[in-house]
Amino acid sequence: MELRGAVALVTGGNGGLGQRICHALAQEGVHIAVMYAQSREQAEGVAAELASRYQVNAAAFGCDITDGAAVERLVAEVTQRFGRLDILVNDAAFNKSIPFTDLDNLTSEVWEKIMSVNLTGPMQLTKAVAPVMKAQGQGRIVNISSVAGLQPTGSSIAYAVSKAGLIHLTRCMAVALAPETLVNCIAPGLLEGTRATANLRAEQIERSASTSLLKRAADKDDCADMVVTMCRTETMTGQTIVIDAGRVFH
C-alpha cells in the first residue's frame, strides 16, 4: 500500500513504543491520529511534534477502548477529521505484575481489566474500522502482542493469555477482512522505556535481557520499522513476527 497520504490511527500513541510507531509512519508521509486514554497533554505534544517535523497532519484523540460506543465515536471522529482511515495500529495495552504462582492475586477484577484493554479493545477497534477500510478498498491493521502470547511468560497469566488471544485474533481477522484489509501482528520481547516494562519486577527485566541470544532488550525502532513494513506489504496477512533479541522461536 502506498503510505504517503495515508491516515493511521495509533492507539497508545503517546506511549514509549507508540511514539516510535507514530514517528516511523509519519516519516513515510502518513497522517497520524494519536489516541490516548488519559495523558491528553502528552498526546497533543506528540501530535504537534509529528506535524512540525514531518509536515503531516496529526491530532490527538482520547478514547476508552473498552467502551464500544466510545470506540465507534473515535473512528467517526478520526474519519471526519482526516477524510479517510487506512491504518489501525493496536498498541494500547495494560498489565500488572503478578507471579504466575500467585493465583490469589490474579483476581477477577485484574483479569477482566487486562482482557478488556488488551483483547476486547483491539477487537472492537478492528470491527469499527473494518467497514471504512472495506469501502475504501484497502486497509492495514497491525496488532502489538508480546512473546508472552507465545510461551508462558510475562508479567502475569492474564497478560500472557490476553496476548495469545490477540495473536489468534490477528489470524481470525485476517480471514474475516480479506482481501481489502491485511491484518498482521508483532510480538516484542522486553522493551525498555515503556509503561509496560515499568510495571515489571526488576528480576524479570534482568532475566529477559540476559537470556536472549543477543544479550539485550528488543529495540523499539525495530518494532516501529516492522509496523511500517506490515503497512506497506501487499502479500502478507495473518502473520506474527517476533522481535525479542533471540529468545522465542515459533
Foldseek 3Di string as FASTA:
>chain_A
DQLALAEEEEEVCLWDLNLLLLQLSLQSNYEYEYEYAPCQVSSQVSQVVSCVPRVHHYDYDYADLLDLVRLLVVVVVSCVVSVAHAEYELDWFDDAADPAVPVVVVDPVRLVVRLSNLAVSVVSNCVNCLVRQVVVQAHEYEYEAACLCVDVDARYPSNSVSSVNVLVVQQVVCVVRPPRYAGEYEHEYDDPRGPRNVNHDPVSNCVLQCQAPQSGFFYSNVVSVVSVVRSPDNPDHSYYHYGGNHDDDD
